[in-house]
Amino acid sequence: MPNWKKNFSFPLLVAALCLTAFVSIALSISDNQIHRFDDTLIGWVQGMESPGMTQFMQLFTWIGSEKAVVIITIIAMIVLYVCLKHKRELLFLACVLAGSTLLNALLKLVFQRARPTINRIIEVSGYSFPSGHSMAAFSLYGGLAFLLWKHVPTVTGRVLMVIASAVFILIIGLSRIYLGVHYPSDVVGGYFLSGCWLATCIWFYQRHLERLSEVHSRSVA
């Protein structure tokens, strides 16, 4: 039992569950079994259409765009390095975002799912599954929440930080459905795939810190 507790890893469990969910969605798309889910959510999200809502969703889809993600990432890295004097965190965040981007590009080529064509408010090119905006948002804001967690001194502050991250991730995903450029299954699949990747990176990061701590303890002894 002690060995089981020592080897048990919550991040790896989360990664396995997210991967299982992603594979289930991918198989449902391949078998054309997910249309009812997609059609229902598309009807609900696009039923909110109005000029003001369109501007709001366009703003958030820009926040989740490649250019905005790069800008936010650079700002976050500067804060981590200048204010908190952290270097390993920079490498962690870079790996999370780079890996997420590569996974998205690779899997889009594998699945080659065409984008929706009904009620498209903006025009974009490329394949649809999984959603790149959703993956980038989950990787960026999820990774930042993980890194900043220990630096927020109060429980209330941590809860607010997690809620803010979740809201940004959710609205960026919804914006892609609202604007007619992604199916809901693209967005949800992107969330699960990024969740798997982020959890895996967290596991490697924590193991790295544990090894450094062990090496330091032996050198001191």
Protein backbone atom coordinates (compact mmCIF):
# COMPACT_ATOMS: atom_id res chain seq x y z
CA MET A 1 0.00 0.00 0.00
CA PRO A 2 2.75 2.58 0.77
CA ASN A 3 4.34 1.94 -2.66
CA TRP A 4 0.94 2.35 -4.36
CA LYS A 5 0.44 5.69 -2.62
CA LYS A 6 3.93 6.81 -3.55
CA ASN A 7 3.50 5.94 -7.23
CA PHE A 8 -0.05 7.24 -7.56
CA SER A 9 -0.20 10.47 -9.52
CA PHE A 10 -3.31 12.62 -9.77
CA PRO A 11 -2.07 14.47 -12.91
CA LEU A 12 -1.58 11.16 -14.74
CA LEU A 13 -5.07 10.06 -13.72
CA VAL A 14 -6.50 13.30 -15.11
CA ALA A 15 -4.45 12.86 -18.30
CA ALA A 16 -5.78 9.31 -18.77
CA LEU A 17 -9.40 10.38 -18.22
CA CYS A 18 -9.06 13.31 -20.63
CA LEU A 19 -7.44 11.10 -23.26
CA THR A 20 -10.24 8.56 -22.92
CA ALA A 21 -12.85 11.29 -23.37
CA PHE A 22 -11.02 12.70 -26.41
CA VAL A 23 -10.77 9.29 -28.06
CA SER A 24 -14.49 8.72 -27.45
CA ILE A 25 -15.34 12.02 -29.15
CA ALA A 26 -12.97 11.30 -32.04
CA LEU A 27 -14.54 7.88 -32.61
CA SER A 28 -18.04 9.38 -32.48
CA ILE A 29 -17.03 11.91 -35.14
CA SER A 30 -15.54 9.19 -37.32
CA ASP A 31 -18.76 7.15 -37.05
CA ASN A 32 -21.00 10.22 -37.59
CA GLN A 33 -22.68 9.58 -34.23
CA ILE A 34 -22.29 13.02 -32.71
CA HIS A 35 -24.49 15.11 -35.00
CA ARG A 36 -27.35 15.36 -32.50
CA PHE A 37 -25.04 16.74 -29.81
CA ASP A 38 -23.52 19.23 -32.25
CA ASP A 39 -26.84 20.34 -33.72
CA THR A 40 -28.42 20.84 -30.29
CA LEU A 41 -25.59 23.01 -28.96
CA ILE A 42 -25.24 24.95 -32.20
CA GLY A 43 -28.93 25.79 -32.08
CA TRP A 44 -28.70 26.95 -28.49
CA VAL A 45 -25.50 29.02 -28.88
CA GLN A 46 -26.40 30.61 -32.20
CA GLY A 47 -29.91 31.30 -30.90
CA MET A 48 -28.33 34.10 -28.82
CA GLU A 49 -27.29 35.99 -31.95
CA SER A 50 -27.49 39.77 -31.81
CA PRO A 51 -25.20 42.62 -32.94
CA GLY A 52 -23.88 43.16 -29.43
CA MET A 53 -23.33 39.44 -28.82
CA THR A 54 -21.52 39.13 -32.15
CA GLN A 55 -19.07 41.88 -31.15
CA PHE A 56 -18.57 40.24 -27.77
CA MET A 57 -17.84 36.85 -29.34
CA GLN A 58 -15.53 38.34 -31.94
CA LEU A 59 -13.54 39.95 -29.12
CA PHE A 60 -13.12 36.64 -27.31
CA THR A 61 -12.30 34.75 -30.48
CA TRP A 62 -9.53 37.32 -31.03
CA ILE A 63 -8.31 36.78 -27.45
CA GLY A 64 -7.99 33.10 -28.31
CA SER A 65 -6.24 33.77 -31.63
CA GLU A 66 -2.61 32.92 -32.29
CA LYS A 67 -1.50 36.57 -32.20
CA ALA A 68 -3.24 37.31 -28.89
CA VAL A 69 -2.00 34.08 -27.30
CA VAL A 70 1.57 34.96 -28.24
CA ILE A 71 1.21 38.47 -26.78
CA ILE A 72 -0.35 37.20 -23.53
CA THR A 73 2.27 34.46 -23.24
CA ILE A 74 5.14 36.93 -23.64
CA ILE A 75 3.62 39.22 -20.99
CA ALA A 76 3.14 36.27 -18.64
CA MET A 77 6.72 35.12 -19.15
CA ILE A 78 8.06 38.60 -18.45
CA VAL A 79 6.05 38.75 -15.21
CA LEU A 80 7.22 35.28 -14.17
CA TYR A 81 10.86 36.13 -14.86
CA VAL A 82 11.07 39.76 -13.71
CA CYS A 83 8.66 39.76 -10.77
CA LEU A 84 8.85 36.18 -9.52
CA LYS A 85 12.39 35.31 -10.71
CA HIS A 86 11.21 31.99 -12.09
CA LYS A 87 12.97 30.31 -14.99
CA ARG A 88 11.68 26.73 -14.87
CA GLU A 89 8.12 28.06 -15.07
CA LEU A 90 9.00 29.75 -18.37
CA LEU A 91 10.14 26.45 -19.85
CA PHE A 92 7.03 24.69 -18.51
CA LEU A 93 4.66 27.24 -20.08
CA ALA A 94 6.57 27.20 -23.38
CA CYS A 95 6.41 23.40 -23.54
CA VAL A 96 2.69 23.35 -22.76
CA LEU A 97 1.84 25.84 -25.51
CA ALA A 98 4.26 24.47 -28.10
CA GLY A 99 3.09 20.90 -27.55
CA SER A 100 -0.55 21.92 -27.70
CA THR A 101 0.03 23.74 -31.00
CA LEU A 102 1.85 20.77 -32.54
CA LEU A 103 -0.80 18.30 -31.38
CA ASN A 104 -3.55 20.45 -32.85
CA ALA A 105 -1.82 20.77 -36.22
CA LEU A 106 -1.07 17.04 -36.39
CA LEU A 107 -4.56 15.86 -35.44
CA LYS A 108 -6.27 18.27 -37.81
CA LEU A 109 -4.31 16.62 -40.62
CA VAL A 110 -5.26 13.18 -39.30
CA PHE A 111 -9.02 13.82 -39.04
CA GLN A 112 -9.42 16.42 -41.82
CA ARG A 113 -12.90 17.38 -40.62
CA ALA A 114 -14.53 20.13 -42.65
CA ARG A 115 -15.79 23.20 -40.84
CA PRO A 116 -19.51 23.98 -40.48
CA THR A 117 -21.03 25.85 -43.42
CA ILE A 118 -24.36 27.00 -41.95
CA ASN A 119 -24.71 30.50 -40.44
CA ARG A 120 -21.00 31.28 -40.58
CA ILE A 121 -20.42 34.82 -39.33
CA ILE A 122 -16.67 34.95 -40.03
CA GLU A 123 -14.56 33.16 -42.60
CA VAL A 124 -11.60 30.98 -41.66
CA SER A 125 -9.69 28.27 -43.48
CA GLY A 126 -8.30 24.92 -42.42
CA TYR A 127 -9.76 21.84 -40.80
CA SER A 128 -12.14 21.86 -37.86
CA PHE A 129 -11.26 19.10 -35.36
CA PRO A 130 -9.94 19.71 -32.77
CA SER A 131 -10.44 23.44 -32.19
CA GLY A 132 -7.13 25.28 -32.08
CA HIS A 133 -8.61 28.22 -30.18
CA SER A 134 -9.99 25.91 -27.50
CA MET A 135 -6.71 24.06 -27.13
CA ALA A 136 -4.66 27.27 -26.95
CA ALA A 137 -7.03 28.82 -24.40
CA PHE A 138 -7.04 25.73 -22.18
CA SER A 139 -3.26 25.35 -22.37
CA LEU A 140 -2.52 29.04 -21.71
CA TYR A 141 -5.01 29.85 -18.97
CA GLY A 142 -4.85 26.40 -17.40
CA GLY A 143 -1.05 26.54 -17.37
CA LEU A 144 -1.02 30.03 -15.88
CA ALA A 145 -3.52 29.03 -13.19
CA PHE A 146 -1.29 26.10 -12.23
CA LEU A 147 1.85 28.26 -12.06
CA LEU A 148 0.25 31.12 -10.15
CA TRP A 149 -1.68 28.93 -7.70
CA LYS A 150 1.05 28.81 -5.04
CA HIS A 151 1.68 32.55 -5.33
CA VAL A 152 -1.90 33.54 -4.49
CA PRO A 153 -1.96 33.74 -0.68
CA THR A 154 -5.70 33.31 0.01
CA VAL A 155 -8.22 30.63 -0.77
CA THR A 156 -10.62 33.28 -2.10
CA GLY A 157 -7.95 34.59 -4.45
CA ARG A 158 -7.22 31.10 -5.75
CA VAL A 159 -10.89 30.37 -6.32
CA LEU A 160 -11.36 33.65 -8.20
CA MET A 161 -8.29 32.91 -10.32
CA VAL A 162 -9.59 29.47 -11.29
CA ILE A 163 -13.05 30.87 -12.06
CA ALA A 164 -11.57 33.63 -14.23
CA SER A 165 -9.45 31.10 -16.13
CA ALA A 166 -12.43 28.79 -16.63
CA VAL A 167 -14.62 31.66 -17.86
CA PHE A 168 -12.05 32.73 -20.45
CA ILE A 169 -11.61 29.15 -21.65
CA LEU A 170 -15.35 28.57 -21.87
CA ILE A 171 -16.23 31.81 -23.65
CA ILE A 172 -13.41 31.43 -26.18
CA GLY A 173 -14.76 27.98 -27.04
CA LEU A 174 -18.34 29.22 -27.22
CA SER A 175 -17.25 32.08 -29.50
CA ARG A 176 -16.07 29.58 -32.10
CA ILE A 177 -19.46 27.85 -32.07
CA TYR A 178 -21.35 31.14 -32.13
CA LEU A 179 -19.35 32.45 -35.09
CA GLY A 180 -20.06 29.26 -37.03
CA VAL A 181 -16.49 28.09 -37.52
CA HIS A 182 -16.48 25.05 -35.22
CA TYR A 183 -18.77 22.25 -34.14
CA PRO A 184 -19.27 21.89 -30.37
CA SER A 185 -17.50 18.53 -30.54
CA ASP A 186 -14.45 20.34 -31.98
CA VAL A 187 -14.39 22.60 -28.94
CA VAL A 188 -15.02 19.90 -26.33
CA GLY A 189 -12.50 17.59 -28.01
CA GLY A 190 -9.95 20.40 -27.92
CA TYR A 191 -10.57 20.92 -24.21
CA PHE A 192 -10.04 17.24 -23.41
CA LEU A 193 -6.91 16.94 -25.56
CA SER A 194 -5.38 20.04 -23.99
CA GLY A 195 -6.38 18.78 -20.55
CA CYS A 196 -4.52 15.56 -21.27
CA TRP A 197 -1.43 17.40 -22.48
CA LEU A 198 -1.44 19.95 -19.65
CA ALA A 199 -1.83 17.25 -16.99
CA THR A 200 1.03 15.27 -18.55
CA CYS A 201 3.27 18.36 -18.54
CA ILE A 202 2.36 19.03 -14.91
CA TRP A 203 3.36 15.46 -14.01
CA PHE A 204 6.76 15.81 -15.70
CA TYR A 205 7.25 19.24 -14.12
CA GLN A 206 6.47 17.98 -10.62
CA ARG A 207 8.71 14.95 -11.07
CA HIS A 208 11.51 17.27 -12.17
CA LEU A 209 11.08 19.42 -9.07
CA GLU A 210 11.05 16.31 -6.86
CA ARG A 211 14.33 15.10 -8.38
CA LEU A 212 15.93 18.51 -7.87
CA SER A 213 14.77 18.47 -4.25
CA GLU A 214 16.24 14.99 -3.71
CA VAL A 215 19.56 15.99 -5.27
CA HIS A 216 19.66 19.12 -3.07
CA SER A 217 18.85 17.10 0.05
CA ARG A 218 21.65 14.60 -0.67
CA SER A 219 24.15 17.38 -1.36
CA VAL A 220 23.29 19.11 1.91
CA ALA A 221 23.51 15.86 3.86
